[in-house]
């Protein structure tokens, strides 16, 4: 497995939020299906976009061709631009 593919899968499973082509989602299904078939989807995402749903299915073949931008923030896979986030909660409790 390539280093980029391994890093992408690690980020996918540990980030609590992601953005796909401008559609942001928090608390998504970060499971990765185990399969040896290069064309069977291993990642399925459904992101709400306005009044529709963006369905993203990624296969091992897609992940084998994953690219990372020069800045190291935007992953391109299967024609989608994906960014990973870990969002922190800001406390507004005046006691703290």
C-alpha atoms as a PDB file:
ATOM      1  CA  UNK A   1       0.000   0.000   0.000  1.00  0.00           C
ATOM      2  CA  UNK A   2       1.403   3.403  -0.944  1.00  0.00           C
ATOM      3  CA  UNK A   3       2.399   5.916   1.717  1.00  0.00           C
ATOM      4  CA  UNK A   4      -0.165   8.452   0.462  1.00  0.00           C
ATOM      5  CA  UNK A   5      -2.965   5.883   0.484  1.00  0.00           C
ATOM      6  CA  UNK A   6      -2.049   4.804   4.024  1.00  0.00           C
ATOM      7  CA  UNK A   7      -1.962   8.417   5.244  1.00  0.00           C
ATOM      8  CA  UNK A   8      -5.293   9.213   3.541  1.00  0.00           C
ATOM      9  CA  UNK A   9      -6.986   6.209   5.183  1.00  0.00           C
ATOM     10  CA  UNK A  10      -5.497   7.124   8.569  1.00  0.00           C
ATOM     11  CA  UNK A  11      -6.781  10.699   8.284  1.00  0.00           C
ATOM     12  CA  UNK A  12     -10.172   9.483   7.080  1.00  0.00           C
ATOM     13  CA  UNK A  13     -10.544   7.280  10.147  1.00  0.00           C
ATOM     14  CA  UNK A  14      -9.276   9.835  12.703  1.00  0.00           C
ATOM     15  CA  UNK A  15     -10.637  13.203  11.525  1.00  0.00           C
ATOM     16  CA  UNK A  16     -13.976  14.278  12.957  1.00  0.00           C
ATOM     17  CA  UNK A  17     -14.869  16.442   9.963  1.00  0.00           C
ATOM     18  CA  UNK A  18     -14.154  16.656   6.279  1.00  0.00           C
ATOM     19  CA  UNK A  19     -14.907  18.756   3.242  1.00  0.00           C
ATOM     20  CA  UNK A  20     -15.539  17.302  -0.198  1.00  0.00           C
ATOM     21  CA  UNK A  21     -15.668  19.796  -3.072  1.00  0.00           C
ATOM     22  CA  UNK A  22     -16.827  22.518  -0.674  1.00  0.00           C
ATOM     23  CA  UNK A  23     -19.427  20.398   1.157  1.00  0.00           C
ATOM     24  CA  UNK A  24     -18.535  20.205   4.868  1.00  0.00           C
ATOM     25  CA  UNK A  25     -19.677  17.390   7.158  1.00  0.00           C
ATOM     26  CA  UNK A  26     -18.957  16.622  10.781  1.00  0.00           C
ATOM     27  CA  UNK A  27     -19.341  13.226  12.494  1.00  0.00           C
ATOM     28  CA  UNK A  28     -19.386  11.166   9.308  1.00  0.00           C
ATOM     29  CA  UNK A  29     -19.213   7.381   8.874  1.00  0.00           C
ATOM     30  CA  UNK A  30     -15.448   6.836   8.858  1.00  0.00           C
ATOM     31  CA  UNK A  31     -15.568   3.087   8.327  1.00  0.00           C
ATOM     32  CA  UNK A  32     -13.486   1.475   5.598  1.00  0.00           C
ATOM     33  CA  UNK A  33     -14.760  -1.781   4.090  1.00  0.00           C
ATOM     34  CA  UNK A  34     -12.267  -4.617   3.842  1.00  0.00           C
ATOM     35  CA  UNK A  35     -12.124  -6.104   0.347  1.00  0.00           C
ATOM     36  CA  UNK A  36      -9.475  -7.349  -2.052  1.00  0.00           C
ATOM     37  CA  UNK A  37     -11.453  -6.231  -5.111  1.00  0.00           C
ATOM     38  CA  UNK A  38      -9.965  -3.019  -6.511  1.00  0.00           C
ATOM     39  CA  UNK A  39     -13.334  -1.882  -7.928  1.00  0.00           C
ATOM     40  CA  UNK A  40     -15.583  -2.481  -4.903  1.00  0.00           C
ATOM     41  CA  UNK A  41     -16.251   0.699  -2.900  1.00  0.00           C
ATOM     42  CA  UNK A  42     -14.395   0.737   0.405  1.00  0.00           C
ATOM     43  CA  UNK A  43     -15.564   4.218   1.458  1.00  0.00           C
ATOM     44  CA  UNK A  44     -19.117   5.510   1.052  1.00  0.00           C
ATOM     45  CA  UNK A  45     -20.017   9.046   2.086  1.00  0.00           C
ATOM     46  CA  UNK A  46     -23.281  10.933   1.851  1.00  0.00           C
ATOM     47  CA  UNK A  47     -22.929  14.682   2.328  1.00  0.00           C
ATOM     48  CA  UNK A  48     -25.910  17.036   2.515  1.00  0.00           C
ATOM     49  CA  UNK A  49     -25.541  19.830  -0.047  1.00  0.00           C
ATOM     50  CA  UNK A  50     -28.345  22.412  -0.122  1.00  0.00           C
ATOM     51  CA  UNK A  51     -31.470  20.374  -0.950  1.00  0.00           C
ATOM     52  CA  UNK A  52     -29.588  17.353  -2.294  1.00  0.00           C
ATOM     53  CA  UNK A  53     -27.058  14.731  -1.213  1.00  0.00           C
ATOM     54  CA  UNK A  54     -23.542  14.340  -2.597  1.00  0.00           C
ATOM     55  CA  UNK A  55     -22.759  10.619  -2.725  1.00  0.00           C
ATOM     56  CA  UNK A  56     -19.062   9.755  -2.751  1.00  0.00           C
ATOM     57  CA  UNK A  57     -17.869   6.172  -3.244  1.00  0.00           C
ATOM     58  CA  UNK A  58     -14.151   5.434  -3.281  1.00  0.00           C
ATOM     59  CA  UNK A  59     -12.527   2.158  -4.328  1.00  0.00           C
ATOM     60  CA  UNK A  60      -9.035   0.780  -3.718  1.00  0.00           C
ATOM     61  CA  UNK A  61      -8.249   1.706  -7.320  1.00  0.00           C
ATOM     62  CA  UNK A  62      -9.289   5.313  -6.580  1.00  0.00           C
ATOM     63  CA  UNK A  63      -7.184   5.377  -3.422  1.00  0.00           C
ATOM     64  CA  UNK A  64      -4.168   3.933  -5.236  1.00  0.00           C
ATOM     65  CA  UNK A  65      -4.199   7.081  -7.402  1.00  0.00           C
ATOM     66  CA  UNK A  66      -4.689   9.574  -4.530  1.00  0.00           C
ATOM     67  CA  UNK A  67      -2.749  12.839  -4.819  1.00  0.00           C
ATOM     68  CA  UNK A  68      -1.841  15.462  -2.226  1.00  0.00           C
ATOM     69  CA  UNK A  69      -1.414  19.153  -3.076  1.00  0.00           C
ATOM     70  CA  UNK A  70       1.931  20.896  -2.531  1.00  0.00           C
ATOM     71  CA  UNK A  71       0.675  22.587   0.662  1.00  0.00           C
ATOM     72  CA  UNK A  72      -0.316  19.197   2.101  1.00  0.00           C
ATOM     73  CA  UNK A  73      -3.965  20.061   2.800  1.00  0.00           C
ATOM     74  CA  UNK A  74      -6.064  19.029  -0.192  1.00  0.00           C
ATOM     75  CA  UNK A  75      -6.298  15.401  -1.261  1.00  0.00           C
ATOM     76  CA  UNK A  76      -7.546  14.642  -4.770  1.00  0.00           C
ATOM     77  CA  UNK A  77      -9.111  11.226  -5.226  1.00  0.00           C
ATOM     78  CA  UNK A  78     -11.586  10.026  -7.868  1.00  0.00           C
ATOM     79  CA  UNK A  79     -12.010  13.607  -9.071  1.00  0.00           C
ATOM     80  CA  UNK A  80     -12.963  14.942  -5.622  1.00  0.00           C
ATOM     81  CA  UNK A  81     -10.989  17.470  -3.575  1.00  0.00           C
ATOM     82  CA  UNK A  82     -11.036  16.368   0.064  1.00  0.00           C
ATOM     83  CA  UNK A  83      -9.782  18.152   3.188  1.00  0.00           C
ATOM     84  CA  UNK A  84      -9.728  16.694   6.715  1.00  0.00           C
ATOM     85  CA  UNK A  85     -10.418  18.617   9.928  1.00  0.00           C
ATOM     86  CA  UNK A  86     -10.477  18.144  13.661  1.00  0.00           C
ATOM     87  CA  UNK A  87     -12.833  20.777  15.039  1.00  0.00           C
ATOM     88  CA  UNK A  88     -12.348  22.032  18.591  1.00  0.00           C
ATOM     89  CA  UNK A  89     -15.224  23.178  20.769  1.00  0.00           C
ATOM     90  CA  UNK A  90     -14.874  26.694  22.143  1.00  0.00           C
ATOM     91  CA  UNK A  91     -16.158  26.913  25.701  1.00  0.00           C
ATOM     92  CA  UNK A  92     -18.271  29.944  26.539  1.00  0.00           C
ATOM     93  CA  UNK A  93     -18.581  29.003  30.204  1.00  0.00           C
ATOM     94  CA  UNK A  94     -17.617  32.147  32.180  1.00  0.00           C
ATOM     95  CA  UNK A  95     -16.498  30.024  35.158  1.00  0.00           C
ATOM     96  CA  UNK A  96     -13.565  28.525  33.285  1.00  0.00           C
END
